[in-house]
Amino acid sequence: MEHGLREVWCIFHEKHKMLDQEESTKKIIGSAFEVYRVLGYGFLEKVYQKAMQVELIKRKIKAELEAKIKVSYKGVLVGDYQADLYCGRPSHCRTQSRQKLQPRR
């Protein structure tokens, strides 16, 4: 029976991690929409980076500007990367500013 309980715990733990990631993803996307809703377009990228950081912290997500990240591939360090905005999760945010929106083709 102990083995079965361990399996149940592992399944619960994985689902909890997935729900946590899903919730964080919703907060990150919601933050991006809020920043765009408030600021609109036309500012330099740095303005959006800082605004995203403010909004993410407000939503209780750790957000670090221009964080340096070590990149590993199958356990081997393969390089460094500087994220625009790092949320301390497997995903990170990339901000871009444009003079005006371009229609999709």
PDB file of N, CA and C in Angstrom:
ATOM      1  N   MET A   1       0.825  -1.207   0.000  1.00  0.00           N
ATOM      2  CA  MET A   1       0.000   0.000   0.000  1.00  0.00           C
ATOM      3  C   MET A   1       0.866   1.267   0.000  1.00  0.00           C
ATOM      4  N   GLU A   2       2.018   1.227   0.666  1.00  0.00           N
ATOM      5  CA  GLU A   2       2.897   2.395   0.710  1.00  0.00           C
ATOM      6  C   GLU A   2       3.334   2.814  -0.693  1.00  0.00           C
ATOM      7  N   HIS A   3       3.621   1.814  -1.545  1.00  0.00           N
ATOM      8  CA  HIS A   3       4.021   2.115  -2.913  1.00  0.00           C
ATOM      9  C   HIS A   3       2.904   2.867  -3.647  1.00  0.00           C
ATOM     10  N   GLY A   4       1.669   2.449  -3.464  1.00  0.00           N
ATOM     11  CA  GLY A   4       0.520   3.110  -4.099  1.00  0.00           C
ATOM     12  C   GLY A   4       0.360   4.543  -3.629  1.00  0.00           C
ATOM     13  N   LEU A   5       0.572   4.781  -2.340  1.00  0.00           N
ATOM     14  CA  LEU A   5       0.474   6.138  -1.802  1.00  0.00           C
ATOM     15  C   LEU A   5       1.554   7.038  -2.400  1.00  0.00           C
ATOM     16  N   ARG A   6       2.742   6.479  -2.589  1.00  0.00           N
ATOM     17  CA  ARG A   6       3.833   7.252  -3.190  1.00  0.00           C
ATOM     18  C   ARG A   6       3.456   7.666  -4.612  1.00  0.00           C
ATOM     19  N   GLU A   7       2.854   6.744  -5.373  1.00  0.00           N
ATOM     20  CA  GLU A   7       2.432   7.064  -6.745  1.00  0.00           C
ATOM     21  C   GLU A   7       1.373   8.164  -6.740  1.00  0.00           C
ATOM     22  N   VAL A   8       0.417   8.056  -5.814  1.00  0.00           N
ATOM     23  CA  VAL A   8      -0.628   9.079  -5.712  1.00  0.00           C
ATOM     24  C   VAL A   8       0.007  10.423  -5.388  1.00  0.00           C
ATOM     25  N   TRP A   9       0.971  10.431  -4.441  1.00  0.00           N
ATOM     26  CA  TRP A   9       1.643  11.678  -4.082  1.00  0.00           C
ATOM     27  C   TRP A   9       2.360  12.272  -5.281  1.00  0.00           C
ATOM     28  N   CYS A  10       3.069  11.436  -6.061  1.00  0.00           N
ATOM     29  CA  CYS A  10       3.792  11.932  -7.232  1.00  0.00           C
ATOM     30  C   CYS A  10       2.838  12.540  -8.246  1.00  0.00           C
ATOM     31  N   ILE A  11       1.709  11.869  -8.484  1.00  0.00           N
ATOM     32  CA  ILE A  11       0.710  12.401  -9.423  1.00  0.00           C
ATOM     33  C   ILE A  11       0.158  13.724  -8.900  1.00  0.00           C
ATOM     34  N   PHE A  12      -0.179  13.776  -7.603  1.00  0.00           N
ATOM     35  CA  PHE A  12      -0.688  15.011  -7.010  1.00  0.00           C
ATOM     36  C   PHE A  12       0.341  16.126  -7.118  1.00  0.00           C
ATOM     37  N   HIS A  13       1.602  15.808  -6.797  1.00  0.00           N
ATOM     38  CA  HIS A  13       2.670  16.804  -6.823  1.00  0.00           C
ATOM     39  C   HIS A  13       2.852  17.357  -8.240  1.00  0.00           C
ATOM     40  N   GLU A  14       2.858  16.486  -9.263  1.00  0.00           N
ATOM     41  CA  GLU A  14       3.010  16.928 -10.654  1.00  0.00           C
ATOM     42  C   GLU A  14       1.829  17.799 -11.085  1.00  0.00           C
ATOM     43  N   LYS A  15       0.607  17.399 -10.717  1.00  0.00           N
ATOM     44  CA  LYS A  15      -0.567  18.210 -11.072  1.00  0.00           C
ATOM     45  C   LYS A  15      -0.512  19.563 -10.379  1.00  0.00           C
ATOM     46  N   HIS A  16      -0.057  19.577  -9.124  1.00  0.00           N
ATOM     47  CA  HIS A  16       0.052  20.836  -8.392  1.00  0.00           C
ATOM     48  C   HIS A  16       1.069  21.757  -9.070  1.00  0.00           C
ATOM     49  N   LYS A  17       2.223  21.186  -9.500  1.00  0.00           N
ATOM     50  CA  LYS A  17       3.225  21.987 -10.199  1.00  0.00           C
ATOM     51  C   LYS A  17       2.656  22.532 -11.507  1.00  0.00           C
ATOM     52  N   MET A  18       1.888  21.694 -12.234  1.00  0.00           N
ATOM     53  CA  MET A  18       1.297  22.142 -13.498  1.00  0.00           C
ATOM     54  C   MET A  18       0.296  23.264 -13.251  1.00  0.00           C
ATOM     55  N   LEU A  19      -0.526  23.131 -12.203  1.00  0.00           N
ATOM     56  CA  LEU A  19      -1.500  24.173 -11.889  1.00  0.00           C
ATOM     57  C   LEU A  19      -0.790  25.454 -11.488  1.00  0.00           C
ATOM     58  N   ASP A  20       0.299  25.334 -10.733  1.00  0.00           N
ATOM     59  CA  ASP A  20       1.074  26.499 -10.330  1.00  0.00           C
ATOM     60  C   ASP A  20       1.654  27.206 -11.556  1.00  0.00           C
ATOM     61  N   GLN A  21       2.186  26.433 -12.508  1.00  0.00           N
ATOM     62  CA  GLN A  21       2.731  27.018 -13.732  1.00  0.00           C
ATOM     63  C   GLN A  21       1.620  27.651 -14.558  1.00  0.00           C
ATOM     64  N   GLU A  22       0.465  26.989 -14.616  1.00  0.00           N
ATOM     65  CA  GLU A  22      -0.663  27.535 -15.383  1.00  0.00           C
ATOM     66  C   GLU A  22      -1.116  28.865 -14.774  1.00  0.00           C
ATOM     67  N   GLU A  23      -1.195  28.914 -13.453  1.00  0.00           N
ATOM     68  CA  GLU A  23      -1.606  30.148 -12.772  1.00  0.00           C
ATOM     69  C   GLU A  23      -0.586  31.261 -13.015  1.00  0.00           C
ATOM     70  N   SER A  24       0.705  30.931 -12.941  1.00  0.00           N
ATOM     71  CA  SER A  24       1.750  31.923 -13.192  1.00  0.00           C
ATOM     72  C   SER A  24       1.677  32.430 -14.628  1.00  0.00           C
ATOM     73  N   THR A  25       1.441  31.516 -15.565  1.00  0.00           N
ATOM     74  CA  THR A  25       1.326  31.904 -16.973  1.00  0.00           C
ATOM     75  C   THR A  25       0.162  32.862 -17.168  1.00  0.00           C
ATOM     76  N   LYS A  26      -0.962  32.584 -16.531  1.00  0.00           N
ATOM     77  CA  LYS A  26      -2.124  33.481 -16.621  1.00  0.00           C
ATOM     78  C   LYS A  26      -1.791  34.867 -16.062  1.00  0.00           C
ATOM     79  N   LYS A  27      -1.046  34.896 -14.958  1.00  0.00           N
ATOM     80  CA  LYS A  27      -0.667  36.184 -14.361  1.00  0.00           C
ATOM     81  C   LYS A  27       0.279  36.953 -15.276  1.00  0.00           C
ATOM     82  N   ILE A  28       1.218  36.251 -15.908  1.00  0.00           N
ATOM     83  CA  ILE A  28       2.172  36.908 -16.801  1.00  0.00           C
ATOM     84  C   ILE A  28       1.455  37.483 -18.016  1.00  0.00           C
ATOM     85  N   ILE A  29       0.594  36.696 -18.627  1.00  0.00           N
ATOM     86  CA  ILE A  29      -0.156  37.169 -19.802  1.00  0.00           C
ATOM     87  C   ILE A  29      -1.087  38.306 -19.407  1.00  0.00           C
ATOM     88  N   GLY A  30      -1.755  38.170 -18.265  1.00  0.00           N
ATOM     89  CA  GLY A  30      -2.637  39.231 -17.781  1.00  0.00           C
ATOM     90  C   GLY A  30      -1.868  40.524 -17.530  1.00  0.00           C
ATOM     91  N   SER A  31      -0.652  40.392 -17.022  1.00  0.00           N
ATOM     92  CA  SER A  31       0.192  41.567 -16.780  1.00  0.00           C
ATOM     93  C   SER A  31       0.524  42.272 -18.085  1.00  0.00           C
ATOM     94  N   ALA A  32       0.850  41.492 -19.115  1.00  0.00           N
ATOM     95  CA  ALA A  32       1.178  42.081 -20.421  1.00  0.00           C
ATOM     96  C   ALA A  32      -0.019  42.845 -20.984  1.00  0.00           C
ATOM     97  N   PHE A  33      -1.207  42.264 -20.878  1.00  0.00           N
ATOM     98  CA  PHE A  33      -2.403  42.950 -21.362  1.00  0.00           C
ATOM     99  C   PHE A  33      -2.669  44.226 -20.568  1.00  0.00           C
ATOM    100  N   GLU A  34      -2.452  44.168 -19.256  1.00  0.00           N
ATOM    101  CA  GLU A  34      -2.686  45.351 -18.418  1.00  0.00           C
ATOM    102  C   GLU A  34      -1.713  46.469 -18.770  1.00  0.00           C
ATOM    103  N   VAL A  35      -0.441  46.125 -18.962  1.00  0.00           N
ATOM    104  CA  VAL A  35       0.557  47.136 -19.336  1.00  0.00           C
ATOM    105  C   VAL A  35       0.169  47.777 -20.669  1.00  0.00           C
ATOM    106  N   TYR A  36      -0.219  46.965 -21.637  1.00  0.00           N
ATOM    107  CA  TYR A  36      -0.612  47.513 -22.944  1.00  0.00           C
ATOM    108  C   TYR A  36      -1.882  48.363 -22.817  1.00  0.00           C
ATOM    109  N   ARG A  37      -2.841  47.910 -21.986  1.00  0.00           N
ATOM    110  CA  ARG A  37      -4.090  48.653 -21.812  1.00  0.00           C
ATOM    111  C   ARG A  37      -3.810  50.040 -21.232  1.00  0.00           C
ATOM    112  N   VAL A  38      -2.903  50.108 -20.270  1.00  0.00           N
ATOM    113  CA  VAL A  38      -2.611  51.371 -19.596  1.00  0.00           C
ATOM    114  C   VAL A  38      -1.691  52.271 -20.427  1.00  0.00           C
ATOM    115  N   LEU A  39      -0.614  51.696 -20.978  1.00  0.00           N
ATOM    116  CA  LEU A  39       0.385  52.509 -21.686  1.00  0.00           C
ATOM    117  C   LEU A  39       0.130  52.655 -23.184  1.00  0.00           C
ATOM    118  N   GLY A  40      -0.556  51.675 -23.775  1.00  0.00           N
ATOM    119  CA  GLY A  40      -0.711  51.700 -25.229  1.00  0.00           C
ATOM    120  C   GLY A  40       0.618  51.396 -25.892  1.00  0.00           C
ATOM    121  N   TYR A  41       0.801  51.864 -27.119  1.00  0.00           N
ATOM    122  CA  TYR A  41       2.056  51.605 -27.825  1.00  0.00           C
ATOM    123  C   TYR A  41       2.789  52.911 -28.069  1.00  0.00           C
ATOM    124  N   GLY A  42       4.080  52.776 -28.404  1.00  0.00           N
ATOM    125  CA  GLY A  42       4.854  53.964 -28.766  1.00  0.00           C
ATOM    126  C   GLY A  42       6.015  54.297 -27.856  1.00  0.00           C
ATOM    127  N   PHE A  43       6.118  53.621 -26.709  1.00  0.00           N
ATOM    128  CA  PHE A  43       7.229  53.900 -25.803  1.00  0.00           C
ATOM    129  C   PHE A  43       8.426  53.017 -26.145  1.00  0.00           C
ATOM    130  N   LEU A  44       9.580  53.370 -25.607  1.00  0.00           N
ATOM    131  CA  LEU A  44      10.762  52.542 -25.766  1.00  0.00           C
ATOM    132  C   LEU A  44      10.613  51.254 -24.957  1.00  0.00           C
ATOM    133  N   GLU A  45      11.355  50.243 -25.377  1.00  0.00           N
ATOM    134  CA  GLU A  45      11.274  48.918 -24.752  1.00  0.00           C
ATOM    135  C   GLU A  45      11.510  48.966 -23.245  1.00  0.00           C
ATOM    136  N   LYS A  46      12.434  49.790 -22.791  1.00  0.00           N
ATOM    137  CA  LYS A  46      12.756  49.884 -21.357  1.00  0.00           C
ATOM    138  C   LYS A  46      11.544  50.287 -20.524  1.00  0.00           C
ATOM    139  N   VAL A  47      10.688  51.139 -21.079  1.00  0.00           N
ATOM    140  CA  VAL A  47       9.476  51.561 -20.366  1.00  0.00           C
ATOM    141  C   VAL A  47       8.566  50.359 -20.138  1.00  0.00           C
ATOM    142  N   TYR A  48       8.371  49.547 -21.170  1.00  0.00           N
ATOM    143  CA  TYR A  48       7.523  48.365 -21.047  1.00  0.00           C
ATOM    144  C   TYR A  48       8.133  47.332 -20.111  1.00  0.00           C
ATOM    145  N   GLN A  49       9.467  47.177 -20.162  1.00  0.00           N
ATOM    146  CA  GLN A  49      10.131  46.246 -19.247  1.00  0.00           C
ATOM    147  C   GLN A  49       9.844  46.620 -17.794  1.00  0.00           C
ATOM    148  N   LYS A  50      10.046  47.878 -17.469  1.00  0.00           N
ATOM    149  CA  LYS A  50       9.844  48.337 -16.094  1.00  0.00           C
ATOM    150  C   LYS A  50       8.373  48.234 -15.694  1.00  0.00           C
ATOM    151  N   ALA A  51       7.481  48.588 -16.615  1.00  0.00           N
ATOM    152  CA  ALA A  51       6.041  48.486 -16.323  1.00  0.00           C
ATOM    153  C   ALA A  51       5.638  47.028 -16.082  1.00  0.00           C
ATOM    154  N   MET A  52       6.185  46.102 -16.893  1.00  0.00           N
ATOM    155  CA  MET A  52       5.895  44.678 -16.691  1.00  0.00           C
ATOM    156  C   MET A  52       6.420  44.214 -15.339  1.00  0.00           C
ATOM    157  N   GLN A  53       7.610  44.656 -14.976  1.00  0.00           N
ATOM    158  CA  GLN A  53       8.165  44.283 -13.681  1.00  0.00           C
ATOM    159  C   GLN A  53       7.245  44.761 -12.557  1.00  0.00           C
ATOM    160  N   VAL A  54       6.801  46.009 -12.643  1.00  0.00           N
ATOM    161  CA  VAL A  54       5.906  46.569 -11.629  1.00  0.00           C
ATOM    162  C   VAL A  54       4.622  45.748 -11.543  1.00  0.00           C
ATOM    163  N   GLU A  55       4.031  45.443 -12.684  1.00  0.00           N
ATOM    164  CA  GLU A  55       2.761  44.702 -12.715  1.00  0.00           C
ATOM    165  C   GLU A  55       2.936  43.273 -12.197  1.00  0.00           C
ATOM    166  N   LEU A  56       4.031  42.613 -12.562  1.00  0.00           N
ATOM    167  CA  LEU A  56       4.258  41.243 -12.092  1.00  0.00           C
ATOM    168  C   LEU A  56       4.475  41.207 -10.580  1.00  0.00           C
ATOM    169  N   ILE A  57       5.248  42.147 -10.068  1.00  0.00           N
ATOM    170  CA  ILE A  57       5.470  42.201  -8.622  1.00  0.00           C
ATOM    171  C   ILE A  57       4.162  42.473  -7.897  1.00  0.00           C
ATOM    172  N   LYS A  58       3.333  43.325  -8.472  1.00  0.00           N
ATOM    173  CA  LYS A  58       2.008  43.600  -7.904  1.00  0.00           C
ATOM    174  C   LYS A  58       1.174  42.321  -7.821  1.00  0.00           C
ATOM    175  N   ARG A  59       1.388  41.419  -8.796  1.00  0.00           N
ATOM    176  CA  ARG A  59       0.655  40.148  -8.828  1.00  0.00           C
ATOM    177  C   ARG A  59       1.420  39.029  -8.117  1.00  0.00           C
ATOM    178  N   LYS A  60       2.407  39.422  -7.330  1.00  0.00           N
ATOM    179  CA  LYS A  60       3.190  38.508  -6.494  1.00  0.00           C
ATOM    180  C   LYS A  60       4.012  37.493  -7.293  1.00  0.00           C
ATOM    181  N   ILE A  61       4.585  37.951  -8.417  1.00  0.00           N
ATOM    182  CA  ILE A  61       5.516  37.149  -9.197  1.00  0.00           C
ATOM    183  C   ILE A  61       6.858  37.860  -9.187  1.00  0.00           C
ATOM    184  N   LYS A  62       7.882  37.134  -8.762  1.00  0.00           N
ATOM    185  CA  LYS A  62       9.232  37.698  -8.746  1.00  0.00           C
ATOM    186  C   LYS A  62       9.622  38.025 -10.182  1.00  0.00           C
ATOM    187  N   ALA A  63      10.112  39.235 -10.412  1.00  0.00           N
ATOM    188  CA  ALA A  63      10.491  39.661 -11.762  1.00  0.00           C
ATOM    189  C   ALA A  63      11.784  40.448 -11.700  1.00  0.00           C
ATOM    190  N   GLU A  64      12.784  39.971 -12.435  1.00  0.00           N
ATOM    191  CA  GLU A  64      14.105  40.595 -12.440  1.00  0.00           C
ATOM    192  C   GLU A  64      14.419  41.087 -13.849  1.00  0.00           C
ATOM    193  N   LEU A  65      14.814  42.356 -13.968  1.00  0.00           N
ATOM    194  CA  LEU A  65      15.139  42.929 -15.268  1.00  0.00           C
ATOM    195  C   LEU A  65      16.527  42.498 -15.724  1.00  0.00           C
ATOM    196  N   GLU A  66      16.637  42.166 -17.006  1.00  0.00           N
ATOM    197  CA  GLU A  66      17.894  41.828 -17.661  1.00  0.00           C
ATOM    198  C   GLU A  66      18.748  40.853 -16.855  1.00  0.00           C
ATOM    199  N   ALA A  67      18.106  39.777 -16.419  1.00  0.00           N
ATOM    200  CA  ALA A  67      18.783  38.754 -15.627  1.00  0.00           C
ATOM    201  C   ALA A  67      19.690  37.903 -16.506  1.00  0.00           C
ATOM    202  N   LYS A  68      20.841  37.572 -15.974  1.00  0.00           N
ATOM    203  CA  LYS A  68      21.762  36.679 -16.677  1.00  0.00           C
ATOM    204  C   LYS A  68      21.437  35.249 -16.260  1.00  0.00           C
ATOM    205  N   ILE A  69      21.242  34.385 -17.250  1.00  0.00           N
ATOM    206  CA  ILE A  69      20.833  33.008 -16.998  1.00  0.00           C
ATOM    207  C   ILE A  69      21.845  32.059 -17.629  1.00  0.00           C
ATOM    208  N   LYS A  70      22.225  31.039 -16.879  1.00  0.00           N
ATOM    209  CA  LYS A  70      23.082  29.976 -17.401  1.00  0.00           C
ATOM    210  C   LYS A  70      22.171  28.994 -18.148  1.00  0.00           C
ATOM    211  N   VAL A  71      22.557  28.627 -19.367  1.00  0.00           N
ATOM    212  CA  VAL A  71      21.755  27.725 -20.183  1.00  0.00           C
ATOM    213  C   VAL A  71      22.437  26.363 -20.230  1.00  0.00           C
ATOM    214  N   SER A  72      21.674  25.325 -19.850  1.00  0.00           N
ATOM    215  CA  SER A  72      22.191  23.960 -19.879  1.00  0.00           C
ATOM    216  C   SER A  72      21.427  23.145 -20.910  1.00  0.00           C
ATOM    217  N   TYR A  73      22.126  22.221 -21.516  1.00  0.00           N
ATOM    218  CA  TYR A  73      21.521  21.282 -22.444  1.00  0.00           C
ATOM    219  C   TYR A  73      21.912  19.877 -21.993  1.00  0.00           C
ATOM    220  N   LYS A  74      20.912  19.119 -21.571  1.00  0.00           N
ATOM    221  CA  LYS A  74      21.129  17.751 -21.078  1.00  0.00           C
ATOM    222  C   LYS A  74      22.228  17.705 -20.025  1.00  0.00           C
ATOM    223  N   GLY A  75      22.159  18.667 -19.101  1.00  0.00           N
ATOM    224  CA  GLY A  75      23.094  18.702 -17.991  1.00  0.00           C
ATOM    225  C   GLY A  75      24.433  19.352 -18.275  1.00  0.00           C
ATOM    226  N   VAL A  76      24.631  19.839 -19.498  1.00  0.00           N
ATOM    227  CA  VAL A  76      25.899  20.472 -19.869  1.00  0.00           C
ATOM    228  C   VAL A  76      25.674  21.960 -20.089  1.00  0.00           C
ATOM    229  N   LEU A  77      26.476  22.780 -19.421  1.00  0.00           N
ATOM    230  CA  LEU A  77      26.387  24.230 -19.605  1.00  0.00           C
ATOM    231  C   LEU A  77      26.791  24.570 -21.039  1.00  0.00           C
ATOM    232  N   VAL A  78      25.883  25.203 -21.791  1.00  0.00           N
ATOM    233  CA  VAL A  78      26.167  25.519 -23.196  1.00  0.00           C
ATOM    234  C   VAL A  78      26.251  27.014 -23.471  1.00  0.00           C
ATOM    235  N   GLY A  79      25.943  27.838 -22.491  1.00  0.00           N
ATOM    236  CA  GLY A  79      26.058  29.272 -22.729  1.00  0.00           C
ATOM    237  C   GLY A  79      25.343  30.107 -21.696  1.00  0.00           C
ATOM    238  N   ASP A  80      25.366  31.391 -21.955  1.00  0.00           N
ATOM    239  CA  ASP A  80      24.701  32.381 -21.112  1.00  0.00           C
ATOM    240  C   ASP A  80      23.643  33.097 -21.939  1.00  0.00           C
ATOM    241  N   TYR A  81      22.640  33.603 -21.253  1.00  0.00           N
ATOM    242  CA  TYR A  81      21.561  34.331 -21.916  1.00  0.00           C
ATOM    243  C   TYR A  81      21.135  35.465 -21.012  1.00  0.00           C
ATOM    244  N   GLN A  82      20.810  36.588 -21.584  1.00  0.00           N
ATOM    245  CA  GLN A  82      20.313  37.709 -20.795  1.00  0.00           C
ATOM    246  C   GLN A  82      18.846  37.916 -21.136  1.00  0.00           C
ATOM    247  N   ALA A  83      17.986  37.571 -20.198  1.00  0.00           N
ATOM    248  CA  ALA A  83      16.541  37.708 -20.397  1.00  0.00           C
ATOM    249  C   ALA A  83      16.130  39.157 -20.174  1.00  0.00           C
ATOM    250  N   ASP A  84      15.205  39.647 -20.980  1.00  0.00           N
ATOM    251  CA  ASP A  84      14.675  40.997 -20.767  1.00  0.00           C
ATOM    252  C   ASP A  84      14.049  41.099 -19.379  1.00  0.00           C
ATOM    253  N   LEU A  85      13.249  40.098 -19.061  1.00  0.00           N
ATOM    254  CA  LEU A  85      12.530  40.077 -17.793  1.00  0.00           C
ATOM    255  C   LEU A  85      12.422  38.626 -17.357  1.00  0.00           C
ATOM    256  N   TYR A  86      13.044  38.281 -16.254  1.00  0.00           N
ATOM    257  CA  TYR A  86      13.085  36.900 -15.788  1.00  0.00           C
ATOM    258  C   TYR A  86      12.158  36.737 -14.601  1.00  0.00           C
ATOM    259  N   CYS A  87      11.301  35.738 -14.682  1.00  0.00           N
ATOM    260  CA  CYS A  87      10.307  35.509 -13.632  1.00  0.00           C
ATOM    261  C   CYS A  87      10.678  34.356 -12.715  1.00  0.00           C
ATOM    262  N   GLY A  88      11.901  33.863 -12.827  1.00  0.00           N
ATOM    263  CA  GLY A  88      12.333  32.791 -11.946  1.00  0.00           C
ATOM    264  C   GLY A  88      11.678  31.463 -12.245  1.00  0.00           C
ATOM    265  N   ARG A  89      11.180  31.291 -13.428  1.00  0.00           N
ATOM    266  CA  ARG A  89      10.490  30.071 -13.855  1.00  0.00           C
ATOM    267  C   ARG A  89      11.125  29.606 -15.152  1.00  0.00           C
ATOM    268  N   PRO A  90      10.743  28.420 -15.620  1.00  0.00           N
ATOM    269  CA  PRO A  90      11.283  27.965 -16.907  1.00  0.00           C
ATOM    270  C   PRO A  90      11.005  28.929 -18.052  1.00  0.00           C
ATOM    271  N   SER A  91       9.898  29.660 -17.981  1.00  0.00           N
ATOM    272  CA  SER A  91       9.618  30.634 -19.031  1.00  0.00           C
ATOM    273  C   SER A  91      10.087  32.011 -18.574  1.00  0.00           C
ATOM    274  N   HIS A  92      10.362  32.862 -19.501  1.00  0.00           N
ATOM    275  CA  HIS A  92      10.710  34.243 -19.175  1.00  0.00           C
ATOM    276  C   HIS A  92      10.002  35.146 -20.173  1.00  0.00           C
ATOM    277  N   CYS A  93       9.986  36.408 -19.869  1.00  0.00           N
ATOM    278  CA  CYS A  93       9.259  37.361 -20.710  1.00  0.00           C
ATOM    279  C   CYS A  93      10.215  38.073 -21.652  1.00  0.00           C
ATOM    280  N   ARG A  94       9.776  38.301 -22.842  1.00  0.00           N
ATOM    281  CA  ARG A  94      10.543  39.087 -23.817  1.00  0.00           C
ATOM    282  C   ARG A  94       9.689  40.284 -24.167  1.00  0.00           C
ATOM    283  N   THR A  95      10.206  41.474 -23.949  1.00  0.00           N
ATOM    284  CA  THR A  95       9.455  42.674 -24.298  1.00  0.00           C
ATOM    285  C   THR A  95       9.978  43.225 -25.608  1.00  0.00           C
ATOM    286  N   GLN A  96       9.082  43.772 -26.390  1.00  0.00           N
ATOM    287  CA  GLN A  96       9.454  44.434 -27.634  1.00  0.00           C
ATOM    288  C   GLN A  96       8.546  45.636 -27.804  1.00  0.00           C
ATOM    289  N   SER A  97       9.128  46.691 -28.337  1.00  0.00           N
ATOM    290  CA  SER A  97       8.298  47.854 -28.646  1.00  0.00           C
ATOM    291  C   SER A  97       8.353  48.078 -30.146  1.00  0.00           C
ATOM    292  N   ARG A  98       7.264  48.596 -30.671  1.00  0.00           N
ATOM    293  CA  ARG A  98       7.167  48.873 -32.100  1.00  0.00           C
ATOM    294  C   ARG A  98       6.568  50.260 -32.262  1.00  0.00           C
ATOM    295  N   GLN A  99       6.909  50.917 -33.353  1.00  0.00           N
ATOM    296  CA  GLN A  99       6.342  52.240 -33.603  1.00  0.00           C
ATOM    297  C   GLN A  99       4.831  52.171 -33.763  1.00  0.00           C
ATOM    298  N   LYS A 100       4.361  51.189 -34.516  1.00  0.00           N
ATOM    299  CA  LYS A 100       2.920  50.956 -34.601  1.00  0.00           C
ATOM    300  C   LYS A 100       2.687  49.495 -34.925  1.00  0.00           C
ATOM    301  N   LEU A 101       1.499  49.037 -34.644  1.00  0.00           N
ATOM    302  CA  LEU A 101       1.174  47.636 -34.867  1.00  0.00           C
ATOM    303  C   LEU A 101       1.088  47.344 -36.358  1.00  0.00           C
ATOM    304  N   GLN A 102       1.627  46.210 -36.744  1.00  0.00           N
ATOM    305  CA  GLN A 102       1.578  45.760 -38.133  1.00  0.00           C
ATOM    306  C   GLN A 102       0.507  44.685 -38.269  1.00  0.00           C
ATOM    307  N   PRO A 103      -0.350  44.777 -39.294  1.00  0.00           N
ATOM    308  CA  PRO A 103      -1.354  43.722 -39.464  1.00  0.00           C
ATOM    309  C   PRO A 103      -0.681  42.409 -39.858  1.00  0.00           C
ATOM    310  N   ARG A 104      -1.285  41.297 -39.414  1.00  0.00           N
ATOM    311  CA  ARG A 104      -0.772  39.986 -39.819  1.00  0.00           C
ATOM    312  C   ARG A 104      -1.100  39.716 -41.257  1.00  0.00           C
ATOM    313  N   ARG A 105      -0.200  39.035 -41.937  1.00  0.00           N
ATOM    314  CA  ARG A 105      -0.436  38.703 -43.349  1.00  0.00           C
ATOM    315  C   ARG A 105      -0.637  37.231 -43.527  1.00  0.00           C
TER     316      ARG A 105
END
